[in-house]
């Protein structure tokens, strides 16, 4: 069992941003962004979850206040570092939410904690992320020439147009975006027993990843599983954010009532 600290007296980790203490909370929800995203995605979540849930947005290296840090380009190293940084704050029940790349991070982080510390989240929420055991047949794009890589970014519709058209800003962001894409596109799944925590998976009704493609996530838990499809494309967490938070809050209300 890790050595824990009084996390209300000190939260000094660069991995935590937009943190709002709530000593009455019964569960901490750690939130992980999609490729190229940051903790600002979850700013609205902090005050829009039940009082029993404390939202902890996770800030990855290479963005926001950690812009000068080198971003990870392999998932195993990212998960290991994230686990070591977050471990002191797992002194009460916790859950994970992650969208796209964040879903993959959340899943592998849950497995890392089980392997090394016999800890599991009270609930795992995965959003817009293919089942890890299903091979990704799409071609790698993280090492494309800049012009082709920018074309790929535009097609994904996840980077604001004003950012894409700002050369100086894109020069800062490209190394982080390439690294994030490499995290996902170089991932190799290793078979392990399913997790022992409830698993809720979200998909977008207009995303190219349909319900049938997400169903195999069911194999990754030995307990309850649910799959919810929400309006929107791959970035439905923006367009259907209220409904997404409502479902998460409803699911967590069962965990915090125990």
Protein backbone atom coordinates (compact mmCIF):
# COMPACT_ATOMS: atom_id res chain seq x y z
CA UNK A 1 0.00 0.00 0.00
CA UNK A 2 1.45 3.43 -0.95
CA UNK A 3 2.31 5.98 1.68
CA UNK A 4 -0.52 8.51 1.57
CA UNK A 5 -0.57 12.18 2.54
CA UNK A 6 -3.16 14.62 3.76
CA UNK A 7 -4.10 15.78 0.26
CA UNK A 8 -6.18 18.68 1.55
CA UNK A 9 -3.18 20.28 3.19
CA UNK A 10 -0.97 19.98 0.09
CA UNK A 11 -1.69 19.36 -3.57
CA UNK A 12 1.58 20.43 -5.11
CA UNK A 13 1.79 18.05 -8.05
CA UNK A 14 2.09 19.60 -11.54
CA UNK A 15 -0.17 16.75 -12.68
CA UNK A 16 -3.19 18.37 -10.97
CA UNK A 17 -4.80 21.56 -12.31
CA UNK A 18 -8.11 23.39 -11.70
CA UNK A 19 -8.32 21.56 -8.40
CA UNK A 20 -11.06 22.72 -6.03
CA UNK A 21 -10.90 21.10 -2.55
CA UNK A 22 -14.06 19.48 -1.27
CA UNK A 23 -13.40 17.69 2.05
CA UNK A 24 -16.99 16.41 2.09
CA UNK A 25 -16.54 14.47 -1.14
CA UNK A 26 -16.65 10.69 -0.88
CA UNK A 27 -14.95 10.02 -4.22
CA UNK A 28 -12.32 11.67 -6.42
CA UNK A 29 -12.80 11.59 -10.19
CA UNK A 30 -9.49 11.92 -12.05
CA UNK A 31 -10.07 13.16 -15.62
CA UNK A 32 -7.69 12.59 -18.54
CA UNK A 33 -7.85 14.57 -21.82
CA UNK A 34 -7.82 13.53 -25.46
CA UNK A 35 -4.73 13.94 -27.68
CA UNK A 36 -3.84 17.60 -27.84
CA UNK A 37 -6.26 18.45 -25.04
CA UNK A 38 -5.69 19.77 -21.55
CA UNK A 39 -7.37 20.29 -18.22
CA UNK A 40 -9.40 23.25 -19.52
CA UNK A 41 -11.70 20.62 -21.05
CA UNK A 42 -12.79 19.71 -17.52
CA UNK A 43 -12.97 23.19 -16.00
CA UNK A 44 -16.78 23.19 -16.15
CA UNK A 45 -16.90 19.75 -14.51
CA UNK A 46 -15.46 20.97 -11.23
CA UNK A 47 -18.67 22.77 -10.18
CA UNK A 48 -21.14 20.58 -12.07
CA UNK A 49 -20.74 17.29 -10.29
CA UNK A 50 -22.57 16.20 -7.12
CA UNK A 51 -21.09 17.42 -3.84
CA UNK A 52 -20.09 13.83 -3.12
CA UNK A 53 -17.69 13.88 -6.10
CA UNK A 54 -14.47 15.88 -6.29
CA UNK A 55 -13.13 16.42 -9.82
CA UNK A 56 -9.35 16.22 -10.31
CA UNK A 57 -8.37 17.23 -13.89
CA UNK A 58 -5.02 15.65 -14.77
CA UNK A 59 -2.49 17.86 -16.56
CA UNK A 60 -0.06 15.96 -18.79
CA UNK A 61 3.46 17.20 -19.64
CA UNK A 62 3.87 19.34 -22.75
CA UNK A 63 0.77 21.54 -22.41
CA UNK A 64 -0.72 24.40 -20.39
CA UNK A 65 1.51 25.22 -17.39
CA UNK A 66 3.74 22.25 -18.30
CA UNK A 67 4.39 23.49 -21.83
CA UNK A 68 8.18 23.50 -21.47
CA UNK A 69 8.24 19.86 -20.35
CA UNK A 70 8.84 17.13 -22.90
CA UNK A 71 5.61 15.26 -23.66
CA UNK A 72 5.52 11.48 -23.42
CA UNK A 73 5.39 9.60 -26.71
CA UNK A 74 4.88 6.11 -25.27
CA UNK A 75 1.94 5.05 -23.15
CA UNK A 76 3.85 2.79 -20.77
CA UNK A 77 6.16 5.59 -19.62
CA UNK A 78 3.26 8.05 -19.32
CA UNK A 79 1.20 5.65 -17.20
CA UNK A 80 4.11 4.81 -14.92
CA UNK A 81 4.86 8.48 -14.24
CA UNK A 82 1.19 9.40 -13.81
CA UNK A 83 0.70 6.55 -11.35
CA UNK A 84 3.66 7.57 -9.23
CA UNK A 85 2.47 11.19 -9.18
CA UNK A 86 -1.17 10.43 -8.35
CA UNK A 87 -0.60 7.60 -5.89
CA UNK A 88 -0.41 9.86 -2.79
CA UNK A 89 -3.89 11.19 -3.59
CA UNK A 90 -5.60 7.80 -3.70
CA UNK A 91 -6.41 7.97 0.01
CA UNK A 92 -10.15 7.67 -0.61
CA UNK A 93 -12.30 5.96 -3.27
CA UNK A 94 -11.49 7.21 -6.75
CA UNK A 95 -12.73 6.94 -10.31
CA UNK A 96 -11.16 7.57 -13.72
CA UNK A 97 -12.63 9.30 -16.76
CA UNK A 98 -10.77 9.63 -20.04
CA UNK A 99 -11.72 10.66 -23.56
CA UNK A 100 -10.03 9.09 -26.59
CA UNK A 101 -6.31 9.00 -25.63
CA UNK A 102 -7.44 9.73 -22.08
CA UNK A 103 -9.58 6.60 -22.12
CA UNK A 104 -6.57 4.50 -23.01
CA UNK A 105 -4.51 6.18 -20.28
CA UNK A 106 -7.28 5.58 -17.72
CA UNK A 107 -7.58 1.92 -18.63
CA UNK A 108 -3.85 1.19 -18.50
CA UNK A 109 -3.45 3.25 -15.32
CA UNK A 110 -6.16 1.16 -13.65
CA UNK A 111 -4.31 -2.02 -14.66
CA UNK A 112 -0.94 -0.61 -13.49
CA UNK A 113 -2.37 0.23 -10.06
CA UNK A 114 -3.84 -3.26 -9.75
CA UNK A 115 -0.56 -4.93 -10.72
CA UNK A 116 1.67 -2.88 -8.45
CA UNK A 117 -0.52 -1.78 -5.55
CA UNK A 118 -3.66 -3.96 -5.58
CA UNK A 119 -5.74 -0.82 -6.09
CA UNK A 120 -8.63 -0.39 -8.52
CA UNK A 121 -10.91 2.55 -9.27
CA UNK A 122 -14.44 2.49 -7.91
CA UNK A 123 -15.59 3.13 -11.49
CA UNK A 124 -13.88 3.47 -14.87
CA UNK A 125 -15.40 5.75 -17.53
CA UNK A 126 -14.02 5.47 -21.06
CA UNK A 127 -15.18 7.87 -23.76
CA UNK A 128 -14.57 7.85 -27.51
CA UNK A 129 -11.90 5.15 -27.31
CA UNK A 130 -11.68 1.86 -29.19
CA UNK A 131 -11.43 -1.34 -27.11
CA UNK A 132 -7.71 -1.82 -26.40
CA UNK A 133 -7.70 -5.50 -27.36
CA UNK A 134 -8.97 -4.73 -30.88
CA UNK A 135 -6.11 -4.01 -33.32
CA UNK A 136 -6.15 -0.51 -34.79
CA UNK A 137 -5.97 -0.91 -38.57
CA UNK A 138 -5.51 2.77 -39.34
CA UNK A 139 -2.09 3.91 -40.57
CA UNK A 140 0.22 5.77 -38.17
CA UNK A 141 0.17 9.53 -38.69
CA UNK A 142 2.35 10.85 -35.87
CA UNK A 143 5.49 10.91 -38.06
CA UNK A 144 3.95 12.44 -41.20
CA UNK A 145 5.55 15.56 -42.70
CA UNK A 146 4.13 18.75 -41.22
CA UNK A 147 1.83 19.56 -44.14
CA UNK A 148 0.27 16.07 -44.14
CA UNK A 149 0.05 16.01 -40.36
CA UNK A 150 -1.78 19.36 -40.39
CA UNK A 151 -4.20 17.97 -42.96
CA UNK A 152 -4.88 15.05 -40.63
CA UNK A 153 -5.55 17.43 -37.74
CA UNK A 154 -8.07 19.36 -39.82
CA UNK A 155 -9.90 16.17 -40.77
CA UNK A 156 -10.28 15.14 -37.11
CA UNK A 157 -12.12 18.37 -36.25
CA UNK A 158 -10.61 18.50 -32.77
CA UNK A 159 -8.28 21.48 -33.12
CA UNK A 160 -9.93 24.92 -33.38
CA UNK A 161 -9.61 26.55 -36.79
CA UNK A 162 -8.08 29.69 -35.28
CA UNK A 163 -5.33 27.55 -33.73
CA UNK A 164 -4.62 25.68 -36.96
CA UNK A 165 -4.29 29.00 -38.79
CA UNK A 166 -1.86 30.47 -36.23
CA UNK A 167 1.67 29.42 -37.37
CA UNK A 168 3.48 30.44 -34.18
CA UNK A 169 0.97 28.64 -31.97
CA UNK A 170 1.05 25.51 -34.12
CA UNK A 171 4.85 25.50 -33.97
CA UNK A 172 4.51 25.23 -30.17
CA UNK A 173 1.78 22.62 -30.30
CA UNK A 174 3.03 20.27 -33.01
CA UNK A 175 5.60 18.41 -30.85
CA UNK A 176 2.94 17.75 -28.20
CA UNK A 177 0.36 16.67 -30.78
CA UNK A 178 2.81 14.32 -32.50
CA UNK A 179 3.78 12.84 -29.13
CA UNK A 180 0.13 12.30 -28.17
CA UNK A 181 -0.60 10.61 -31.48
CA UNK A 182 2.47 8.41 -30.97
CA UNK A 183 1.20 7.42 -27.50
CA UNK A 184 -1.93 5.99 -29.13
CA UNK A 185 -0.50 4.69 -32.39
CA UNK A 186 2.45 2.79 -30.88
CA UNK A 187 0.35 1.18 -28.11
CA UNK A 188 0.61 -2.60 -27.81
CA UNK A 189 -2.10 -4.36 -25.84
CA UNK A 190 -0.99 -7.07 -23.39
CA UNK A 191 -3.63 -9.53 -22.24
CA UNK A 192 -4.48 -9.44 -18.52
CA UNK A 193 -7.51 -10.55 -16.47
CA UNK A 194 -10.48 -8.16 -16.70
CA UNK A 195 -10.76 -5.37 -14.16
CA UNK A 196 -12.94 -5.85 -11.10
CA UNK A 197 -14.59 -2.41 -11.26
CA UNK A 198 -17.72 -1.18 -13.07
CA UNK A 199 -17.00 0.06 -16.58
CA UNK A 200 -19.06 2.64 -18.48
CA UNK A 201 -18.20 3.36 -22.11
CA UNK A 202 -19.42 6.33 -24.16
CA UNK A 203 -19.53 6.77 -27.93
CA UNK A 204 -20.68 9.43 -30.37
CA UNK A 205 -23.65 8.70 -32.62
CA UNK A 206 -21.98 10.54 -35.51
CA UNK A 207 -18.49 9.21 -34.77
CA UNK A 208 -17.01 6.66 -37.19
CA UNK A 209 -16.59 4.34 -34.19
CA UNK A 210 -20.06 2.84 -33.84
CA UNK A 211 -21.77 0.89 -31.03
CA UNK A 212 -20.70 -2.48 -32.42
CA UNK A 213 -17.05 -1.38 -32.43
CA UNK A 214 -17.28 -0.36 -28.75
CA UNK A 215 -19.07 -3.49 -27.49
CA UNK A 216 -15.82 -5.51 -26.96
CA UNK A 217 -15.01 -3.19 -24.03
CA UNK A 218 -17.41 -5.49 -22.16
CA UNK A 219 -14.60 -8.06 -21.97
CA UNK A 220 -12.51 -5.73 -19.78
CA UNK A 221 -14.60 -6.03 -16.61
CA UNK A 222 -15.93 -8.87 -14.49
CA UNK A 223 -18.74 -6.73 -13.04
CA UNK A 224 -21.24 -4.23 -14.43
CA UNK A 225 -20.81 -2.82 -17.94
CA UNK A 226 -22.82 -0.19 -19.78
CA UNK A 227 -22.44 1.42 -23.20
CA UNK A 228 -24.05 4.80 -23.85
CA UNK A 229 -24.20 6.53 -27.25
CA UNK A 230 -24.50 10.33 -27.21
CA UNK A 231 -25.21 12.89 -29.95
CA UNK A 232 -22.13 14.20 -31.74
CA UNK A 233 -18.96 13.19 -33.55
CA UNK A 234 -15.71 12.06 -31.92
CA UNK A 235 -15.71 15.17 -29.72
CA UNK A 236 -19.18 14.64 -28.29
CA UNK A 237 -17.84 15.43 -24.81
CA UNK A 238 -18.14 19.08 -25.90
CA UNK A 239 -21.46 18.97 -27.74
CA UNK A 240 -23.15 16.55 -25.32
CA UNK A 241 -21.21 17.52 -22.20
CA UNK A 242 -24.25 18.08 -20.00
CA UNK A 243 -25.69 14.65 -20.77
CA UNK A 244 -22.29 13.02 -20.33
CA UNK A 245 -21.84 14.59 -16.90
CA UNK A 246 -25.40 13.68 -15.91
CA UNK A 247 -24.80 9.99 -16.65
CA UNK A 248 -21.44 9.99 -14.84
CA UNK A 249 -23.01 11.69 -11.82
CA UNK A 250 -25.83 9.14 -11.80
CA UNK A 251 -23.39 6.23 -11.96
CA UNK A 252 -21.17 7.67 -9.24
CA UNK A 253 -24.12 8.35 -6.96
CA UNK A 254 -24.43 4.58 -6.58
CA UNK A 255 -20.73 4.30 -5.68
CA UNK A 256 -20.81 7.13 -3.13
CA UNK A 257 -24.00 5.82 -1.54
CA UNK A 258 -22.27 2.61 -0.46
